[in-house]
């Protein structure tokens, strides 16, 4: 009876070991499945973020380059205004500059 009892104990241990191995394998498979799912979710989020950033970039690019004709016209207008301001300033002070130059050229210093 001791031999059969020992045999039952061994059989119980083997069964318990197999069950434990099945539990470990199930946990390992669940972990791998969750890691795979997390990786897929992360890749999806990265793709969505990349698409949003690309759309934003394209929109900003279109806004800046699409108005290049308007920008050129605006810059031309600003340049023309600056040129007119400089001409007016030159006309205003040209008489004084000529007088100063004549005074310096005609005066003799020792």
PDB file of N, CA and C in Angstrom:
ATOM      1  N   UNK A   1       0.814  -1.176   0.000  1.00  0.00           N
ATOM      2  CA  UNK A   1       0.000   0.000   0.000  1.00  0.00           C
ATOM      3  C   UNK A   1       0.862   1.245   0.000  1.00  0.00           C
ATOM      4  N   UNK A   2       2.007   1.146   0.618  1.00  0.00           N
ATOM      5  CA  UNK A   2       2.913   2.272   0.631  1.00  0.00           C
ATOM      6  C   UNK A   2       3.407   2.601  -0.775  1.00  0.00           C
ATOM      7  N   UNK A   3       3.628   1.578  -1.585  1.00  0.00           N
ATOM      8  CA  UNK A   3       4.109   1.789  -2.952  1.00  0.00           C
ATOM      9  C   UNK A   3       3.028   2.464  -3.780  1.00  0.00           C
ATOM     10  N   UNK A   4       1.794   2.044  -3.599  1.00  0.00           N
ATOM     11  CA  UNK A   4       0.718   2.659  -4.376  1.00  0.00           C
ATOM     12  C   UNK A   4       0.464   4.082  -3.892  1.00  0.00           C
ATOM     13  N   UNK A   5       0.622   4.282  -2.608  1.00  0.00           N
ATOM     14  CA  UNK A   5       0.448   5.620  -2.054  1.00  0.00           C
ATOM     15  C   UNK A   5       1.549   6.537  -2.570  1.00  0.00           C
ATOM     16  N   UNK A   6       2.768   6.062  -2.632  1.00  0.00           N
ATOM     17  CA  UNK A   6       3.893   6.818  -3.174  1.00  0.00           C
ATOM     18  C   UNK A   6       3.683   7.114  -4.649  1.00  0.00           C
ATOM     19  N   UNK A   7       3.125   6.093  -5.355  1.00  0.00           N
ATOM     20  CA  UNK A   7       2.848   6.254  -6.784  1.00  0.00           C
ATOM     21  C   UNK A   7       1.781   7.331  -6.972  1.00  0.00           C
ATOM     22  N   UNK A   8       0.754   7.354  -6.133  1.00  0.00           N
ATOM     23  CA  UNK A   8      -0.305   8.372  -6.206  1.00  0.00           C
ATOM     24  C   UNK A   8       0.271   9.755  -5.913  1.00  0.00           C
ATOM     25  N   UNK A   9       1.156   9.827  -4.963  1.00  0.00           N
ATOM     26  CA  UNK A   9       1.792  11.109  -4.626  1.00  0.00           C
ATOM     27  C   UNK A   9       2.600  11.650  -5.792  1.00  0.00           C
ATOM     28  N   UNK A  10       3.326  10.741  -6.421  1.00  0.00           N
ATOM     29  CA  UNK A  10       4.118  11.152  -7.588  1.00  0.00           C
ATOM     30  C   UNK A  10       3.187  11.587  -8.713  1.00  0.00           C
ATOM     31  N   UNK A  11       2.127  10.807  -8.905  1.00  0.00           N
ATOM     32  CA  UNK A  11       1.164  11.142  -9.960  1.00  0.00           C
ATOM     33  C   UNK A  11       0.519  12.505  -9.682  1.00  0.00           C
ATOM     34  N   UNK A  12       0.191  12.774  -8.405  1.00  0.00           N
ATOM     35  CA  UNK A  12      -0.388  14.072  -8.028  1.00  0.00           C
ATOM     36  C   UNK A  12       0.601  15.201  -8.281  1.00  0.00           C
ATOM     37  N   UNK A  13       1.853  14.969  -7.958  1.00  0.00           N
ATOM     38  CA  UNK A  13       2.878  15.973  -8.201  1.00  0.00           C
ATOM     39  C   UNK A  13       3.041  16.243  -9.695  1.00  0.00           C
ATOM     40  N   UNK A  14       3.055  15.188 -10.495  1.00  0.00           N
ATOM     41  CA  UNK A  14       3.165  15.355 -11.956  1.00  0.00           C
ATOM     42  C   UNK A  14       1.966  16.110 -12.520  1.00  0.00           C
ATOM     43  N   UNK A  15       0.781  15.770 -12.027  1.00  0.00           N
ATOM     44  CA  UNK A  15      -0.432  16.457 -12.478  1.00  0.00           C
ATOM     45  C   UNK A  15      -0.383  17.932 -12.074  1.00  0.00           C
ATOM     46  N   UNK A  16       0.036  18.192 -10.834  1.00  0.00           N
ATOM     47  CA  UNK A  16       0.132  19.570 -10.359  1.00  0.00           C
ATOM     48  C   UNK A  16       1.168  20.348 -11.168  1.00  0.00           C
ATOM     49  N   UNK A  17       2.270  19.691 -11.513  1.00  0.00           N
ATOM     50  CA  UNK A  17       3.306  20.340 -12.314  1.00  0.00           C
ATOM     51  C   UNK A  17       2.790  20.667 -13.712  1.00  0.00           C
ATOM     52  N   UNK A  18       2.040  19.745 -14.291  1.00  0.00           N
ATOM     53  CA  UNK A  18       1.465  19.996 -15.620  1.00  0.00           C
ATOM     54  C   UNK A  18       0.471  21.140 -15.576  1.00  0.00           C
ATOM     55  N   UNK A  19      -0.351  21.165 -14.535  1.00  0.00           N
ATOM     56  CA  UNK A  19      -1.317  22.258 -14.401  1.00  0.00           C
ATOM     57  C   UNK A  19      -0.599  23.597 -14.217  1.00  0.00           C
ATOM     58  N   UNK A  20       0.445  23.577 -13.398  1.00  0.00           N
ATOM     59  CA  UNK A  20       1.219  24.807 -13.189  1.00  0.00           C
ATOM     60  C   UNK A  20       1.854  25.254 -14.498  1.00  0.00           C
ATOM     61  N   UNK A  21       2.377  24.297 -15.269  1.00  0.00           N
ATOM     62  CA  UNK A  21       2.983  24.638 -16.558  1.00  0.00           C
ATOM     63  C   UNK A  21       1.932  25.225 -17.507  1.00  0.00           C
ATOM     64  N   UNK A  22       0.735  24.682 -17.504  1.00  0.00           N
ATOM     65  CA  UNK A  22      -0.348  25.212 -18.331  1.00  0.00           C
ATOM     66  C   UNK A  22      -0.715  26.634 -17.899  1.00  0.00           C
ATOM     67  N   UNK A  23      -0.761  26.866 -16.593  1.00  0.00           N
ATOM     68  CA  UNK A  23      -1.068  28.212 -16.087  1.00  0.00           C
ATOM     69  C   UNK A  23       0.020  29.197 -16.502  1.00  0.00           C
ATOM     70  N   UNK A  24       1.288  28.793 -16.373  1.00  0.00           N
ATOM     71  CA  UNK A  24       2.411  29.647 -16.767  1.00  0.00           C
ATOM     72  C   UNK A  24       2.353  29.933 -18.267  1.00  0.00           C
ATOM     73  N   UNK A  25       2.091  28.889 -19.060  1.00  0.00           N
ATOM     74  CA  UNK A  25       1.993  29.073 -20.516  1.00  0.00           C
ATOM     75  C   UNK A  25       0.840  30.000 -20.880  1.00  0.00           C
ATOM     76  N   UNK A  26      -0.301  29.835 -20.202  1.00  0.00           N
ATOM     77  CA  UNK A  26      -1.454  30.703 -20.470  1.00  0.00           C
ATOM     78  C   UNK A  26      -1.123  32.143 -20.117  1.00  0.00           C
ATOM     79  N   UNK A  27      -0.448  32.352 -18.986  1.00  0.00           N
ATOM     80  CA  UNK A  27      -0.055  33.705 -18.580  1.00  0.00           C
ATOM     81  C   UNK A  27       0.943  34.302 -19.570  1.00  0.00           C
ATOM     82  N   UNK A  28       1.902  33.470 -20.005  1.00  0.00           N
ATOM     83  CA  UNK A  28       2.890  33.941 -20.978  1.00  0.00           C
ATOM     84  C   UNK A  28       2.209  34.325 -22.291  1.00  0.00           C
ATOM     85  N   UNK A  29       1.273  33.505 -22.742  1.00  0.00           N
ATOM     86  CA  UNK A  29       0.550  33.802 -23.986  1.00  0.00           C
ATOM     87  C   UNK A  29      -0.297  35.066 -23.843  1.00  0.00           C
ATOM     88  N   UNK A  30      -0.936  35.221 -22.676  1.00  0.00           N
ATOM     89  CA  UNK A  30      -1.739  36.428 -22.441  1.00  0.00           C
ATOM     90  C   UNK A  30      -0.848  37.661 -22.439  1.00  0.00           C
ATOM     91  N   UNK A  31       0.322  37.547 -21.814  1.00  0.00           N
ATOM     92  CA  UNK A  31       1.267  38.665 -21.777  1.00  0.00           C
ATOM     93  C   UNK A  31       1.729  39.015 -23.188  1.00  0.00           C
ATOM     94  N   UNK A  32       2.069  38.016 -23.966  1.00  0.00           N
ATOM     95  CA  UNK A  32       2.520  38.262 -25.344  1.00  0.00           C
ATOM     96  C   UNK A  32       1.410  38.902 -26.173  1.00  0.00           C
ATOM     97  N   UNK A  33       0.176  38.413 -25.979  1.00  0.00           N
ATOM     98  CA  UNK A  33      -0.951  38.987 -26.715  1.00  0.00           C
ATOM     99  C   UNK A  33      -1.151  40.449 -26.320  1.00  0.00           C
ATOM    100  N   UNK A  34      -1.032  40.753 -25.030  1.00  0.00           N
ATOM    101  CA  UNK A  34      -1.204  42.128 -24.561  1.00  0.00           C
ATOM    102  C   UNK A  34      -0.083  43.026 -25.079  1.00  0.00           C
ATOM    103  N   UNK A  35       1.153  42.513 -25.086  1.00  0.00           N
ATOM    104  CA  UNK A  35       2.266  43.289 -25.632  1.00  0.00           C
ATOM    105  C   UNK A  35       2.069  43.572 -27.116  1.00  0.00           C
ATOM    106  N   UNK A  36       1.590  42.569 -27.839  1.00  0.00           N
ATOM    107  CA  UNK A  36       1.332  42.756 -29.267  1.00  0.00           C
ATOM    108  C   UNK A  36       0.235  43.796 -29.474  1.00  0.00           C
ATOM    109  N   UNK A  37      -0.818  43.718 -28.658  1.00  0.00           N
ATOM    110  CA  UNK A  37      -1.918  44.674 -28.753  1.00  0.00           C
ATOM    111  C   UNK A  37      -1.424  46.088 -28.416  1.00  0.00           C
ATOM    112  N   UNK A  38      -0.605  46.209 -27.371  1.00  0.00           N
ATOM    113  CA  UNK A  38      -0.068  47.515 -26.985  1.00  0.00           C
ATOM    114  C   UNK A  38       0.810  48.095 -28.091  1.00  0.00           C
ATOM    115  N   UNK A  39       1.604  47.228 -28.712  1.00  0.00           N
ATOM    116  CA  UNK A  39       2.464  47.677 -29.810  1.00  0.00           C
ATOM    117  C   UNK A  39       1.618  48.178 -30.978  1.00  0.00           C
ATOM    118  N   UNK A  40       0.566  47.442 -31.324  1.00  0.00           N
ATOM    119  CA  UNK A  40      -0.307  47.847 -32.423  1.00  0.00           C
ATOM    120  C   UNK A  40      -1.005  49.171 -32.104  1.00  0.00           C
ATOM    121  N   UNK A  41      -1.458  49.332 -30.847  1.00  0.00           N
ATOM    122  CA  UNK A  41      -2.104  50.586 -30.451  1.00  0.00           C
ATOM    123  C   UNK A  41      -1.122  51.747 -30.524  1.00  0.00           C
ATOM    124  N   UNK A  42       0.107  51.523 -30.074  1.00  0.00           N
ATOM    125  CA  UNK A  42       1.125  52.569 -30.114  1.00  0.00           C
ATOM    126  C   UNK A  42       1.446  52.950 -31.559  1.00  0.00           C
ATOM    127  N   UNK A  43       1.574  51.964 -32.433  1.00  0.00           N
ATOM    128  CA  UNK A  43       1.845  52.242 -33.843  1.00  0.00           C
ATOM    129  C   UNK A  43       0.695  53.024 -34.469  1.00  0.00           C
ATOM    130  N   UNK A  44      -0.530  52.679 -34.083  1.00  0.00           N
ATOM    131  CA  UNK A  44      -1.695  53.395 -34.600  1.00  0.00           C
ATOM    132  C   UNK A  44      -1.679  54.845 -34.129  1.00  0.00           C
ATOM    133  N   UNK A  45      -1.361  55.071 -32.847  1.00  0.00           N
ATOM    134  CA  UNK A  45      -1.304  56.429 -32.318  1.00  0.00           C
ATOM    135  C   UNK A  45      -0.197  57.231 -32.991  1.00  0.00           C
ATOM    136  N   UNK A  46       0.941  56.595 -33.218  1.00  0.00           N
ATOM    137  CA  UNK A  46       2.047  57.277 -33.888  1.00  0.00           C
ATOM    138  C   UNK A  46       1.643  57.651 -35.313  1.00  0.00           C
ATOM    139  N   UNK A  47       0.984  56.750 -35.995  1.00  0.00           N
ATOM    140  CA  UNK A  47       0.537  57.029 -37.368  1.00  0.00           C
ATOM    141  C   UNK A  47      -0.467  58.179 -37.386  1.00  0.00           C
ATOM    142  N   UNK A  48      -1.393  58.191 -36.431  1.00  0.00           N
ATOM    143  CA  UNK A  48      -2.371  59.280 -36.362  1.00  0.00           C
ATOM    144  C   UNK A  48      -1.678  60.603 -36.070  1.00  0.00           C
ATOM    145  N   UNK A  49      -0.740  60.597 -35.121  1.00  0.00           N
ATOM    146  CA  UNK A  49      -0.006  61.816 -34.785  1.00  0.00           C
ATOM    147  C   UNK A  49       0.795  62.311 -35.979  1.00  0.00           C
ATOM    148  N   UNK A  50       1.456  61.377 -36.666  1.00  0.00           N
ATOM    149  CA  UNK A  50       2.235  61.749 -37.848  1.00  0.00           C
ATOM    150  C   UNK A  50       1.332  62.360 -38.916  1.00  0.00           C
ATOM    151  N   UNK A  51       0.158  61.782 -39.106  1.00  0.00           N
ATOM    152  CA  UNK A  51      -0.783  62.308 -40.099  1.00  0.00           C
ATOM    153  C   UNK A  51      -1.253  63.705 -39.707  1.00  0.00           C
ATOM    154  N   UNK A  52      -1.517  63.913 -38.422  1.00  0.00           N
ATOM    155  CA  UNK A  52      -1.936  65.241 -37.961  1.00  0.00           C
ATOM    156  C   UNK A  52      -0.828  66.271 -38.183  1.00  0.00           C
ATOM    157  N   UNK A  53       0.403  65.904 -37.834  1.00  0.00           N
ATOM    158  CA  UNK A  53       1.524  66.834 -38.005  1.00  0.00           C
ATOM    159  C   UNK A  53       1.763  67.120 -39.486  1.00  0.00           C
ATOM    160  N   UNK A  54       1.642  66.104 -40.318  1.00  0.00           N
ATOM    161  CA  UNK A  54       1.827  66.298 -41.760  1.00  0.00           C
ATOM    162  C   UNK A  54       0.746  67.216 -42.314  1.00  0.00           C
ATOM    163  N   UNK A  55      -0.502  67.015 -41.867  1.00  0.00           N
ATOM    164  CA  UNK A  55      -1.603  67.871 -42.323  1.00  0.00           C
ATOM    165  C   UNK A  55      -1.378  69.309 -41.872  1.00  0.00           C
ATOM    166  N   UNK A  56      -0.939  69.475 -40.638  1.00  0.00           N
ATOM    167  CA  UNK A  56      -0.659  70.824 -40.123  1.00  0.00           C
ATOM    168  C   UNK A  56       0.460  71.476 -40.926  1.00  0.00           C
ATOM    169  N   UNK A  57       1.513  70.722 -41.199  1.00  0.00           N
ATOM    170  CA  UNK A  57       2.629  71.239 -41.981  1.00  0.00           C
ATOM    171  C   UNK A  57       2.176  71.648 -43.384  1.00  0.00           C
ATOM    172  N   UNK A  58       1.401  70.776 -44.023  1.00  0.00           N
ATOM    173  CA  UNK A  58       0.919  71.080 -45.373  1.00  0.00           C
ATOM    174  C   UNK A  58       0.021  72.311 -45.377  1.00  0.00           C
ATOM    175  N   UNK A  59      -0.824  72.430 -44.342  1.00  0.00           N
ATOM    176  CA  UNK A  59      -1.718  73.586 -44.238  1.00  0.00           C
ATOM    177  C   UNK A  59      -0.907  74.878 -44.070  1.00  0.00           C
ATOM    178  N   UNK A  60       0.094  74.850 -43.188  1.00  0.00           N
ATOM    179  CA  UNK A  60       0.935  76.031 -42.983  1.00  0.00           C
ATOM    180  C   UNK A  60       1.750  76.345 -44.231  1.00  0.00           C
ATOM    181  N   UNK A  61       2.214  75.312 -44.887  1.00  0.00           N
ATOM    182  CA  UNK A  61       2.966  75.512 -46.118  1.00  0.00           C
ATOM    183  C   UNK A  61       2.091  76.164 -47.183  1.00  0.00           C
ATOM    184  N   UNK A  62       0.859  75.693 -47.290  1.00  0.00           N
ATOM    185  CA  UNK A  62      -0.069  76.266 -48.265  1.00  0.00           C
ATOM    186  C   UNK A  62      -0.391  77.717 -47.917  1.00  0.00           C
ATOM    187  N   UNK A  63      -0.513  78.004 -46.619  1.00  0.00           N
ATOM    188  CA  UNK A  63      -0.819  79.379 -46.206  1.00  0.00           C
ATOM    189  C   UNK A  63       0.328  80.322 -46.537  1.00  0.00           C
ATOM    190  N   UNK A  64       1.549  79.882 -46.320  1.00  0.00           N
ATOM    191  CA  UNK A  64       2.685  80.780 -46.559  1.00  0.00           C
ATOM    192  C   UNK A  64       3.058  80.854 -48.028  1.00  0.00           C
ATOM    193  N   UNK A  65       3.069  79.715 -48.713  1.00  0.00           N
ATOM    194  CA  UNK A  65       3.473  79.752 -50.118  1.00  0.00           C
ATOM    195  C   UNK A  65       2.308  80.094 -51.037  1.00  0.00           C
ATOM    196  N   UNK A  66       1.107  79.817 -50.605  1.00  0.00           N
ATOM    197  CA  UNK A  66      -0.058  80.131 -51.418  1.00  0.00           C
ATOM    198  C   UNK A  66      -0.254  81.626 -51.571  1.00  0.00           C
ATOM    199  N   UNK A  67       0.179  82.366 -50.573  1.00  0.00           N
ATOM    200  CA  UNK A  67       0.045  83.816 -50.605  1.00  0.00           C
ATOM    201  C   UNK A  67       1.309  84.496 -51.096  1.00  0.00           C
ATOM    202  N   UNK A  68       2.181  83.750 -51.760  1.00  0.00           N
ATOM    203  CA  UNK A  68       3.440  84.354 -52.176  1.00  0.00           C
ATOM    204  C   UNK A  68       3.192  85.519 -53.123  1.00  0.00           C
ATOM    205  N   UNK A  69       2.188  85.422 -53.964  1.00  0.00           N
ATOM    206  CA  UNK A  69       1.845  86.552 -54.831  1.00  0.00           C
ATOM    207  C   UNK A  69       1.403  87.741 -54.012  1.00  0.00           C
ATOM    208  N   UNK A  70       0.599  87.495 -53.005  1.00  0.00           N
ATOM    209  CA  UNK A  70       0.144  88.574 -52.127  1.00  0.00           C
ATOM    210  C   UNK A  70       1.322  89.129 -51.330  1.00  0.00           C
ATOM    211  N   UNK A  71       2.215  88.249 -50.894  1.00  0.00           N
ATOM    212  CA  UNK A  71       3.391  88.702 -50.154  1.00  0.00           C
ATOM    213  C   UNK A  71       4.283  89.574 -51.025  1.00  0.00           C
ATOM    214  N   UNK A  72       4.445  89.170 -52.270  1.00  0.00           N
ATOM    215  CA  UNK A  72       5.271  89.958 -53.190  1.00  0.00           C
ATOM    216  C   UNK A  72       4.658  91.328 -53.391  1.00  0.00           C
ATOM    217  N   UNK A  73       3.357  91.373 -53.596  1.00  0.00           N
ATOM    218  CA  UNK A  73       2.683  92.665 -53.785  1.00  0.00           C
ATOM    219  C   UNK A  73       2.806  93.528 -52.535  1.00  0.00           C
ATOM    220  N   UNK A  74       2.642  92.907 -51.377  1.00  0.00           N
ATOM    221  CA  UNK A  74       2.738  93.660 -50.127  1.00  0.00           C
ATOM    222  C   UNK A  74       4.155  94.206 -49.951  1.00  0.00           C
ATOM    223  N   UNK A  75       5.164  93.374 -50.242  1.00  0.00           N
ATOM    224  CA  UNK A  75       6.545  93.825 -50.122  1.00  0.00           C
ATOM    225  C   UNK A  75       6.870  94.923 -51.132  1.00  0.00           C
ATOM    226  N   UNK A  76       6.349  94.793 -52.334  1.00  0.00           N
ATOM    227  CA  UNK A  76       6.565  95.840 -53.330  1.00  0.00           C
ATOM    228  C   UNK A  76       5.944  97.157 -52.875  1.00  0.00           C
ATOM    229  N   UNK A  77       4.760  97.072 -52.331  1.00  0.00           N
ATOM    230  CA  UNK A  77       4.082  98.273 -51.840  1.00  0.00           C
ATOM    231  C   UNK A  77       4.867  98.905 -50.689  1.00  0.00           C
ATOM    232  N   UNK A  78       5.314  98.082 -49.739  1.00  0.00           N
ATOM    233  CA  UNK A  78       6.103  98.597 -48.614  1.00  0.00           C
ATOM    234  C   UNK A  78       7.411  99.211 -49.105  1.00  0.00           C
ATOM    235  N   UNK A  79       8.032  98.573 -50.094  1.00  0.00           N
ATOM    236  CA  UNK A  79       9.282  99.092 -50.643  1.00  0.00           C
ATOM    237  C   UNK A  79       9.051 100.438 -51.318  1.00  0.00           C
ATOM    238  N   UNK A  80       7.987 100.534 -52.060  1.00  0.00           N
ATOM    239  CA  UNK A  80       7.665 101.802 -52.739  1.00  0.00           C
ATOM    240  C   UNK A  80       7.415 102.916 -51.725  1.00  0.00           C
ATOM    241  N   UNK A  81       6.721 102.590 -50.651  1.00  0.00           N
ATOM    242  CA  UNK A  81       6.469 103.583 -49.602  1.00  0.00           C
ATOM    243  C   UNK A  81       7.792 104.028 -48.982  1.00  0.00           C
ATOM    244  N   UNK A  82       8.691 103.079 -48.705  1.00  0.00           N
ATOM    245  CA  UNK A  82       9.996 103.423 -48.128  1.00  0.00           C
ATOM    246  C   UNK A  82      10.801 104.301 -49.090  1.00  0.00           C
ATOM    247  N   UNK A  83      10.766 103.951 -50.375  1.00  0.00           N
ATOM    248  CA  UNK A  83      11.496 104.749 -51.372  1.00  0.00           C
ATOM    249  C   UNK A  83      10.960 106.174 -51.384  1.00  0.00           C
ATOM    250  N   UNK A  84       9.657 106.329 -51.371  1.00  0.00           N
ATOM    251  CA  UNK A  84       9.058 107.664 -51.364  1.00  0.00           C
ATOM    252  C   UNK A  84       9.453 108.439 -50.102  1.00  0.00           C
ATOM    253  N   UNK A  85       9.466 107.754 -48.962  1.00  0.00           N
ATOM    254  CA  UNK A  85       9.871 108.414 -47.711  1.00  0.00           C
ATOM    255  C   UNK A  85      11.324 108.878 -47.794  1.00  0.00           C
ATOM    256  N   UNK A  86      12.191 108.016 -48.340  1.00  0.00           N
ATOM    257  CA  UNK A  86      13.599 108.394 -48.473  1.00  0.00           C
ATOM    258  C   UNK A  86      13.782 109.554 -49.448  1.00  0.00           C
ATOM    259  N   UNK A  87      13.036 109.554 -50.538  1.00  0.00           N
ATOM    260  CA  UNK A  87      13.123 110.667 -51.497  1.00  0.00           C
ATOM    261  C   UNK A  87      12.672 111.967 -50.852  1.00  0.00           C
ATOM    262  N   UNK A  88      11.579 111.906 -50.096  1.00  0.00           N
ATOM    263  CA  UNK A  88      11.082 113.114 -49.424  1.00  0.00           C
ATOM    264  C   UNK A  88      12.107 113.623 -48.414  1.00  0.00           C
ATOM    265  N   UNK A  89      12.712 112.705 -47.665  1.00  0.00           N
ATOM    266  CA  UNK A  89      13.726 113.082 -46.682  1.00  0.00           C
ATOM    267  C   UNK A  89      14.944 113.679 -47.381  1.00  0.00           C
ATOM    268  N   UNK A  90      15.355 113.075 -48.511  1.00  0.00           N
ATOM    269  CA  UNK A  90      16.497 113.597 -49.261  1.00  0.00           C
ATOM    270  C   UNK A  90      16.184 114.986 -49.805  1.00  0.00           C
ATOM    271  N   UNK A  91      14.987 115.177 -50.339  1.00  0.00           N
ATOM    272  CA  UNK A  91      14.591 116.498 -50.844  1.00  0.00           C
ATOM    273  C   UNK A  91      14.591 117.527 -49.718  1.00  0.00           C
ATOM    274  N   UNK A  92      14.168 117.114 -48.544  1.00  0.00           N
ATOM    275  CA  UNK A  92      14.062 118.030 -47.414  1.00  0.00           C
ATOM    276  C   UNK A  92      15.440 118.481 -46.932  1.00  0.00           C
ATOM    277  N   UNK A  93      16.411 117.582 -46.913  1.00  0.00           N
ATOM    278  CA  UNK A  93      17.721 117.947 -46.354  1.00  0.00           C
ATOM    279  C   UNK A  93      18.780 118.224 -47.420  1.00  0.00           C
ATOM    280  N   UNK A  94      18.466 118.059 -48.685  1.00  0.00           N
ATOM    281  CA  UNK A  94      19.485 118.238 -49.727  1.00  0.00           C
ATOM    282  C   UNK A  94      20.012 119.678 -49.755  1.00  0.00           C
ATOM    283  N   UNK A  95      19.167 120.649 -49.560  1.00  0.00           N
ATOM    284  CA  UNK A  95      19.612 122.047 -49.567  1.00  0.00           C
ATOM    285  C   UNK A  95      20.609 122.281 -48.429  1.00  0.00           C
ATOM    286  N   UNK A  96      20.318 121.734 -47.248  1.00  0.00           N
ATOM    287  CA  UNK A  96      21.221 121.897 -46.104  1.00  0.00           C
ATOM    288  C   UNK A  96      22.558 121.204 -46.357  1.00  0.00           C
ATOM    289  N   UNK A  97      22.527 120.048 -46.971  1.00  0.00           N
ATOM    290  CA  UNK A  97      23.754 119.295 -47.257  1.00  0.00           C
ATOM    291  C   UNK A  97      24.603 120.053 -48.266  1.00  0.00           C
ATOM    292  N   UNK A  98      23.974 120.587 -49.304  1.00  0.00           N
ATOM    293  CA  UNK A  98      24.706 121.349 -50.313  1.00  0.00           C
ATOM    294  C   UNK A  98      25.338 122.576 -49.658  1.00  0.00           C
ATOM    295  N   UNK A  99      24.594 123.292 -48.834  1.00  0.00           N
ATOM    296  CA  UNK A  99      25.141 124.469 -48.148  1.00  0.00           C
ATOM    297  C   UNK A  99      26.334 124.086 -47.270  1.00  0.00           C
ATOM    298  N   UNK A 100      26.214 122.980 -46.535  1.00  0.00           N
ATOM    299  CA  UNK A 100      27.294 122.550 -45.661  1.00  0.00           C
ATOM    300  C   UNK A 100      28.529 122.192 -46.480  1.00  0.00           C
ATOM    301  N   UNK A 101      28.354 121.493 -47.599  1.00  0.00           N
ATOM    302  CA  UNK A 101      29.483 121.119 -48.443  1.00  0.00           C
ATOM    303  C   UNK A 101      30.161 122.352 -49.043  1.00  0.00           C
ATOM    304  N   UNK A 102      29.348 123.277 -49.515  1.00  0.00           N
ATOM    305  CA  UNK A 102      29.922 124.496 -50.079  1.00  0.00           C
ATOM    306  C   UNK A 102      30.713 125.271 -49.032  1.00  0.00           C
ATOM    307  N   UNK A 103      30.178 125.340 -47.844  1.00  0.00           N
ATOM    308  CA  UNK A 103      30.840 126.060 -46.756  1.00  0.00           C
ATOM    309  C   UNK A 103      32.184 125.389 -46.433  1.00  0.00           C
ATOM    310  N   UNK A 104      32.192 124.043 -46.373  1.00  0.00           N
ATOM    311  CA  UNK A 104      33.424 123.336 -46.043  1.00  0.00           C
ATOM    312  C   UNK A 104      34.454 123.423 -47.178  1.00  0.00           C
ATOM    313  N   UNK A 105      33.992 123.408 -48.411  1.00  0.00           N
ATOM    314  CA  UNK A 105      34.912 123.457 -49.544  1.00  0.00           C
ATOM    315  C   UNK A 105      35.508 124.838 -49.694  1.00  0.00           C
ATOM    316  N   UNK A 106      34.729 125.862 -49.430  1.00  0.00           N
ATOM    317  CA  UNK A 106      35.203 127.223 -49.662  1.00  0.00           C
ATOM    318  C   UNK A 106      35.938 127.816 -48.463  1.00  0.00           C
ATOM    319  N   UNK A 107      35.854 127.199 -47.329  1.00  0.00           N
ATOM    320  CA  UNK A 107      36.550 127.759 -46.168  1.00  0.00           C
ATOM    321  C   UNK A 107      37.977 127.201 -46.127  1.00  0.00           C
ATOM    322  N   UNK A 108      38.906 128.062 -45.735  1.00  0.00           N
ATOM    323  CA  UNK A 108      40.305 127.666 -45.687  1.00  0.00           C
ATOM    324  C   UNK A 108      40.703 127.584 -44.215  1.00  0.00           C
ATOM    325  N   UNK A 109      41.349 126.511 -43.886  1.00  0.00           N
ATOM    326  CA  UNK A 109      41.828 126.331 -42.495  1.00  0.00           C
ATOM    327  C   UNK A 109      43.313 126.041 -42.535  1.00  0.00           C
ATOM    328  N   UNK A 110      44.019 126.592 -41.590  1.00  0.00           N
ATOM    329  CA  UNK A 110      45.463 126.372 -41.500  1.00  0.00           C
ATOM    330  C   UNK A 110      45.789 125.512 -40.357  1.00  0.00           C
TER     331      UNK A 110
END
